[in-house]
Amino acid sequence: MLPNRMNLTKQTEEHLKKLKQFTGISPNVSARIAFFRSIESGFKCANTATVKLDGALVLDKVTWLGETQLVTELMMKMHYPNLQGRELMAAWAAHVEDGIAAIRNHKSLSNLSYKL
């Protein structure tokens, strides 16, 4: 399972904060949306060792995942059955980064807040 305290990369955190400025959606909720968008796209984290979790926003698992905690952890275990702890967190962070990139590149962020 995912560790109780989790963080992301600094770059992903910056994108989540910018997205909050545009939409008003908090970073933890945006991270949930980005994660599931990444899962839907078929993204697969190839090497968790290359994911550098250097972000300053360290939140507990319940805050990051909210009501999606069980589903998120099940999806992670289904996609990465051999990973645990920090490696699993790195894979989760890679999915959030992949998903937030897709959201960030969306043509109209002003319309995105209505779609979320």
N, C-alpha and C. Protein backbone atom coordinates (compact mmCIF):
# COMPACT_ATOMS: atom_id res chain seq x y z
N MET A 1 0.82 -1.19 0.00
CA MET A 1 0.00 0.00 0.00
C MET A 1 0.87 1.25 0.00
N LEU A 2 0.22 2.36 -0.31
CA LEU A 2 0.92 3.64 -0.33
C LEU A 2 1.27 4.07 1.09
N PRO A 3 2.39 4.78 1.27
CA PRO A 3 2.76 5.25 2.61
C PRO A 3 1.78 6.30 3.13
N ASN A 4 1.78 6.51 4.43
CA ASN A 4 0.85 7.47 5.03
C ASN A 4 1.17 8.92 4.71
N ARG A 5 2.44 9.25 4.50
CA ARG A 5 2.86 10.61 4.13
C ARG A 5 3.37 10.56 2.70
N MET A 6 2.84 11.40 1.83
CA MET A 6 3.21 11.35 0.42
C MET A 6 3.51 12.75 -0.11
N ASN A 7 4.39 12.80 -1.11
CA ASN A 7 4.69 14.06 -1.78
C ASN A 7 4.91 13.80 -3.26
N LEU A 8 5.04 14.88 -4.02
CA LEU A 8 5.19 14.83 -5.46
C LEU A 8 6.51 15.48 -5.85
N THR A 9 6.74 15.59 -7.14
CA THR A 9 7.90 16.33 -7.60
C THR A 9 7.61 17.82 -7.49
N LYS A 10 8.66 18.62 -7.40
CA LYS A 10 8.51 20.07 -7.28
C LYS A 10 7.79 20.64 -8.51
N GLN A 11 8.12 20.12 -9.68
CA GLN A 11 7.51 20.60 -10.92
C GLN A 11 6.00 20.32 -10.93
N THR A 12 5.61 19.14 -10.50
CA THR A 12 4.19 18.79 -10.45
C THR A 12 3.44 19.69 -9.47
N GLU A 13 4.06 19.94 -8.32
CA GLU A 13 3.44 20.83 -7.34
C GLU A 13 3.21 22.22 -7.92
N GLU A 14 4.18 22.73 -8.66
CA GLU A 14 4.04 24.05 -9.27
C GLU A 14 2.88 24.06 -10.26
N HIS A 15 2.74 22.99 -11.04
CA HIS A 15 1.63 22.90 -11.99
C HIS A 15 0.29 22.83 -11.27
N LEU A 16 0.25 22.10 -10.16
CA LEU A 16 -0.99 22.01 -9.40
C LEU A 16 -1.38 23.36 -8.81
N LYS A 17 -0.39 24.12 -8.35
CA LYS A 17 -0.66 25.45 -7.79
C LYS A 17 -1.15 26.41 -8.87
N LYS A 18 -0.55 26.33 -10.06
CA LYS A 18 -1.00 27.18 -11.17
C LYS A 18 -2.42 26.81 -11.58
N LEU A 19 -2.70 25.52 -11.60
CA LEU A 19 -4.04 25.07 -11.95
C LEU A 19 -5.06 25.59 -10.93
N LYS A 20 -4.65 25.64 -9.66
CA LYS A 20 -5.55 26.18 -8.63
C LYS A 20 -5.85 27.65 -8.90
N GLN A 21 -4.86 28.40 -9.35
CA GLN A 21 -5.08 29.81 -9.66
C GLN A 21 -6.09 29.98 -10.79
N PHE A 22 -6.04 29.09 -11.78
CA PHE A 22 -6.95 29.18 -12.92
C PHE A 22 -8.35 28.67 -12.61
N THR A 23 -8.43 27.61 -11.81
CA THR A 23 -9.72 26.95 -11.62
C THR A 23 -10.29 27.05 -10.22
N GLY A 24 -9.44 27.29 -9.22
CA GLY A 24 -9.90 27.31 -7.83
C GLY A 24 -9.97 25.92 -7.21
N ILE A 25 -9.57 24.90 -7.95
CA ILE A 25 -9.59 23.53 -7.44
C ILE A 25 -8.30 23.27 -6.68
N SER A 26 -8.42 22.76 -5.45
CA SER A 26 -7.25 22.55 -4.60
C SER A 26 -6.30 21.51 -5.20
N PRO A 27 -5.01 21.60 -4.86
CA PRO A 27 -4.01 20.68 -5.43
C PRO A 27 -4.30 19.21 -5.18
N ASN A 28 -4.84 18.87 -4.01
CA ASN A 28 -5.10 17.45 -3.75
C ASN A 28 -6.22 16.91 -4.64
N VAL A 29 -7.23 17.71 -4.89
CA VAL A 29 -8.32 17.28 -5.78
C VAL A 29 -7.82 17.21 -7.22
N SER A 30 -7.03 18.19 -7.63
CA SER A 30 -6.44 18.17 -8.97
C SER A 30 -5.54 16.95 -9.15
N ALA A 31 -4.81 16.59 -8.10
CA ALA A 31 -3.93 15.41 -8.18
C ALA A 31 -4.75 14.14 -8.39
N ARG A 32 -5.91 14.05 -7.74
CA ARG A 32 -6.78 12.89 -7.93
C ARG A 32 -7.27 12.81 -9.37
N ILE A 33 -7.70 13.94 -9.90
CA ILE A 33 -8.19 13.98 -11.29
C ILE A 33 -7.06 13.61 -12.24
N ALA A 34 -5.88 14.18 -12.01
CA ALA A 34 -4.72 13.90 -12.86
C ALA A 34 -4.35 12.42 -12.82
N PHE A 35 -4.38 11.82 -11.63
CA PHE A 35 -4.05 10.40 -11.49
C PHE A 35 -4.98 9.55 -12.35
N PHE A 36 -6.28 9.76 -12.22
CA PHE A 36 -7.22 8.92 -12.97
C PHE A 36 -7.18 9.22 -14.47
N ARG A 37 -6.86 10.43 -14.82
CA ARG A 37 -6.70 10.76 -16.25
C ARG A 37 -5.50 9.99 -16.82
N SER A 38 -4.45 9.90 -16.04
CA SER A 38 -3.26 9.17 -16.46
C SER A 38 -3.54 7.67 -16.58
N ILE A 39 -4.27 7.13 -15.61
CA ILE A 39 -4.63 5.71 -15.64
C ILE A 39 -5.46 5.42 -16.89
N GLU A 40 -6.43 6.29 -17.17
CA GLU A 40 -7.29 6.10 -18.35
C GLU A 40 -6.51 6.15 -19.65
N SER A 41 -5.46 6.96 -19.68
CA SER A 41 -4.67 7.10 -20.90
C SER A 41 -3.76 5.89 -21.16
N GLY A 42 -3.60 5.04 -20.15
CA GLY A 42 -2.75 3.86 -20.32
C GLY A 42 -1.30 4.08 -19.97
N PHE A 43 -0.99 5.21 -19.33
CA PHE A 43 0.39 5.49 -18.93
C PHE A 43 0.89 4.43 -17.96
N LYS A 44 2.16 4.06 -18.10
CA LYS A 44 2.79 3.08 -17.21
C LYS A 44 4.15 3.62 -16.82
N CYS A 45 4.41 3.74 -15.54
CA CYS A 45 5.69 4.23 -15.03
C CYS A 45 6.71 3.10 -15.17
N ALA A 46 7.73 3.33 -16.00
CA ALA A 46 8.70 2.28 -16.29
C ALA A 46 9.76 2.12 -15.20
N ASN A 47 10.22 3.23 -14.63
CA ASN A 47 11.30 3.16 -13.66
C ASN A 47 11.04 4.15 -12.53
N THR A 48 10.64 3.62 -11.37
CA THR A 48 10.33 4.50 -10.24
C THR A 48 11.59 5.12 -9.64
N ALA A 49 12.75 4.56 -9.92
CA ALA A 49 13.99 5.10 -9.38
C ALA A 49 14.31 6.47 -9.97
N THR A 50 13.80 6.77 -11.16
CA THR A 50 14.09 8.05 -11.80
C THR A 50 13.15 9.16 -11.33
N VAL A 51 12.10 8.83 -10.60
CA VAL A 51 11.16 9.82 -10.11
C VAL A 51 11.74 10.43 -8.83
N LYS A 52 12.05 11.73 -8.90
CA LYS A 52 12.66 12.42 -7.77
C LYS A 52 11.59 13.19 -7.02
N LEU A 53 11.18 12.69 -5.88
CA LEU A 53 10.10 13.31 -5.10
C LEU A 53 10.69 14.40 -4.21
N ASP A 54 10.86 15.58 -4.80
CA ASP A 54 11.52 16.69 -4.11
C ASP A 54 10.57 17.82 -3.75
N GLY A 55 9.28 17.58 -3.83
CA GLY A 55 8.30 18.61 -3.53
C GLY A 55 8.19 18.89 -2.05
N ALA A 56 7.79 20.10 -1.72
CA ALA A 56 7.69 20.53 -0.33
C ALA A 56 6.31 20.25 0.27
N LEU A 57 5.33 20.01 -0.58
CA LEU A 57 3.97 19.77 -0.12
C LEU A 57 3.81 18.30 0.27
N VAL A 58 4.01 18.01 1.56
CA VAL A 58 3.90 16.64 2.06
C VAL A 58 2.58 16.55 2.82
N LEU A 59 1.68 15.75 2.26
CA LEU A 59 0.37 15.57 2.87
C LEU A 59 0.15 14.10 3.22
N ASP A 60 -0.78 13.85 4.12
CA ASP A 60 -1.08 12.45 4.43
C ASP A 60 -1.91 11.84 3.31
N LYS A 61 -1.91 10.53 3.29
CA LYS A 61 -2.57 9.78 2.23
C LYS A 61 -4.06 10.12 2.14
N VAL A 62 -4.70 10.30 3.27
CA VAL A 62 -6.14 10.60 3.28
C VAL A 62 -6.41 11.95 2.62
N THR A 63 -5.55 12.93 2.84
CA THR A 63 -5.73 14.25 2.23
C THR A 63 -5.50 14.18 0.73
N TRP A 64 -4.43 13.51 0.31
CA TRP A 64 -4.15 13.40 -1.13
C TRP A 64 -5.26 12.66 -1.86
N LEU A 65 -5.70 11.55 -1.29
CA LEU A 65 -6.60 10.66 -2.03
C LEU A 65 -8.07 10.81 -1.69
N GLY A 66 -8.39 11.30 -0.51
CA GLY A 66 -9.78 11.49 -0.11
C GLY A 66 -10.59 10.22 -0.23
N GLU A 67 -11.79 10.36 -0.77
CA GLU A 67 -12.69 9.21 -0.91
C GLU A 67 -12.23 8.24 -1.99
N THR A 68 -11.24 8.63 -2.77
CA THR A 68 -10.74 7.74 -3.83
C THR A 68 -9.60 6.85 -3.33
N GLN A 69 -9.32 6.89 -2.04
CA GLN A 69 -8.17 6.17 -1.50
C GLN A 69 -8.19 4.68 -1.84
N LEU A 70 -9.25 4.01 -1.56
CA LEU A 70 -9.33 2.57 -1.80
C LEU A 70 -9.18 2.24 -3.28
N VAL A 71 -9.87 2.97 -4.13
CA VAL A 71 -9.81 2.73 -5.58
C VAL A 71 -8.40 3.03 -6.10
N THR A 72 -7.81 4.12 -5.63
CA THR A 72 -6.46 4.49 -6.07
C THR A 72 -5.46 3.41 -5.69
N GLU A 73 -5.52 2.96 -4.45
CA GLU A 73 -4.58 1.93 -4.01
C GLU A 73 -4.80 0.61 -4.75
N LEU A 74 -6.04 0.28 -5.03
CA LEU A 74 -6.30 -0.94 -5.80
C LEU A 74 -5.78 -0.83 -7.23
N MET A 75 -5.97 0.33 -7.84
CA MET A 75 -5.44 0.54 -9.20
C MET A 75 -3.92 0.46 -9.20
N MET A 76 -3.29 1.03 -8.20
CA MET A 76 -1.83 1.00 -8.13
C MET A 76 -1.34 -0.45 -7.95
N LYS A 77 -1.99 -1.20 -7.10
CA LYS A 77 -1.59 -2.60 -6.89
C LYS A 77 -1.84 -3.45 -8.14
N MET A 78 -2.90 -3.12 -8.87
CA MET A 78 -3.20 -3.84 -10.09
C MET A 78 -2.15 -3.55 -11.17
N HIS A 79 -1.74 -2.29 -11.28
CA HIS A 79 -0.76 -1.89 -12.30
C HIS A 79 0.68 -2.21 -11.89
N TYR A 80 0.95 -2.19 -10.59
CA TYR A 80 2.32 -2.39 -10.09
C TYR A 80 2.31 -3.38 -8.92
N PRO A 81 2.06 -4.66 -9.20
CA PRO A 81 1.92 -5.64 -8.11
C PRO A 81 3.21 -5.87 -7.31
N ASN A 82 4.36 -5.56 -7.88
CA ASN A 82 5.62 -5.83 -7.18
C ASN A 82 6.17 -4.63 -6.42
N LEU A 83 5.51 -3.49 -6.50
CA LEU A 83 6.00 -2.29 -5.82
C LEU A 83 5.31 -2.11 -4.48
N GLN A 84 6.07 -1.54 -3.53
CA GLN A 84 5.51 -1.21 -2.23
C GLN A 84 6.15 0.06 -1.71
N GLY A 85 5.51 0.68 -0.75
CA GLY A 85 6.08 1.83 -0.05
C GLY A 85 6.45 2.98 -0.96
N ARG A 86 7.70 3.43 -0.82
CA ARG A 86 8.18 4.61 -1.56
C ARG A 86 8.18 4.39 -3.07
N GLU A 87 8.45 3.17 -3.51
CA GLU A 87 8.42 2.90 -4.95
C GLU A 87 7.00 3.06 -5.50
N LEU A 88 6.03 2.59 -4.75
CA LEU A 88 4.63 2.73 -5.16
C LEU A 88 4.22 4.20 -5.16
N MET A 89 4.71 4.96 -4.16
CA MET A 89 4.43 6.39 -4.11
C MET A 89 5.06 7.09 -5.31
N ALA A 90 6.26 6.69 -5.70
CA ALA A 90 6.91 7.29 -6.87
C ALA A 90 6.11 7.01 -8.13
N ALA A 91 5.55 5.82 -8.25
CA ALA A 91 4.72 5.49 -9.41
C ALA A 91 3.44 6.33 -9.40
N TRP A 92 2.84 6.51 -8.22
CA TRP A 92 1.65 7.37 -8.09
C TRP A 92 2.00 8.79 -8.51
N ALA A 93 3.14 9.29 -8.05
CA ALA A 93 3.57 10.66 -8.39
C ALA A 93 3.80 10.80 -9.89
N ALA A 94 4.34 9.75 -10.52
CA ALA A 94 4.55 9.77 -11.97
C ALA A 94 3.21 9.85 -12.70
N HIS A 95 2.21 9.14 -12.20
CA HIS A 95 0.88 9.19 -12.80
C HIS A 95 0.27 10.59 -12.64
N VAL A 96 0.44 11.19 -11.48
CA VAL A 96 -0.09 12.54 -11.27
C VAL A 96 0.61 13.52 -12.22
N GLU A 97 1.91 13.37 -12.36
CA GLU A 97 2.67 14.24 -13.27
C GLU A 97 2.20 14.07 -14.71
N ASP A 98 2.00 12.82 -15.12
CA ASP A 98 1.52 12.56 -16.48
C ASP A 98 0.13 13.15 -16.69
N GLY A 99 -0.75 12.96 -15.74
CA GLY A 99 -2.12 13.46 -15.86
C GLY A 99 -2.21 14.97 -15.81
N ILE A 100 -1.37 15.59 -14.98
CA ILE A 100 -1.42 17.05 -14.88
C ILE A 100 -0.86 17.68 -16.14
N ALA A 101 0.07 17.01 -16.81
CA ALA A 101 0.59 17.53 -18.08
C ALA A 101 -0.52 17.57 -19.12
N ALA A 102 -1.36 16.55 -19.14
CA ALA A 102 -2.47 16.52 -20.09
C ALA A 102 -3.47 17.62 -19.78
N ILE A 103 -3.72 17.85 -18.50
CA ILE A 103 -4.66 18.91 -18.10
C ILE A 103 -4.05 20.27 -18.41
N ARG A 104 -2.76 20.42 -18.11
CA ARG A 104 -2.08 21.70 -18.34
C ARG A 104 -2.09 22.07 -19.82
N ASN A 105 -1.98 21.08 -20.68
CA ASN A 105 -1.95 21.33 -22.12
C ASN A 105 -3.34 21.45 -22.73
N HIS A 106 -4.36 21.37 -21.91
CA HIS A 106 -5.73 21.52 -22.40
C HIS A 106 -5.89 22.90 -23.02
N LYS A 107 -6.64 23.00 -24.10
CA LYS A 107 -6.75 24.26 -24.85
C LYS A 107 -7.30 25.41 -24.03
N SER A 108 -8.31 25.17 -23.23
CA SER A 108 -8.95 26.27 -22.52
C SER A 108 -9.12 25.90 -21.05
N LEU A 109 -8.23 26.41 -20.21
CA LEU A 109 -8.34 26.13 -18.78
C LEU A 109 -9.56 26.79 -18.16
N SER A 110 -10.04 27.86 -18.74
CA SER A 110 -11.23 28.50 -18.19
C SER A 110 -12.45 27.59 -18.35
N ASN A 111 -12.52 26.82 -19.42
CA ASN A 111 -13.62 25.88 -19.61
C ASN A 111 -13.41 24.61 -18.80
N LEU A 112 -12.16 24.32 -18.44
CA LEU A 112 -11.85 23.10 -17.72
C LEU A 112 -12.53 23.07 -16.35
N SER A 113 -12.61 24.20 -15.67
CA SER A 113 -13.21 24.23 -14.35
C SER A 113 -14.67 23.79 -14.38
N TYR A 114 -15.34 24.04 -15.48
CA TYR A 114 -16.72 23.62 -15.60
C TYR A 114 -16.83 22.13 -15.91
N LYS A 115 -15.81 21.57 -16.57
CA LYS A 115 -15.84 20.15 -16.92
C LYS A 115 -15.46 19.28 -15.73
N LEU A 116 -14.65 19.79 -14.80
CA LEU A 116 -14.22 19.01 -13.66
C LEU A 116 -15.37 18.90 -12.71
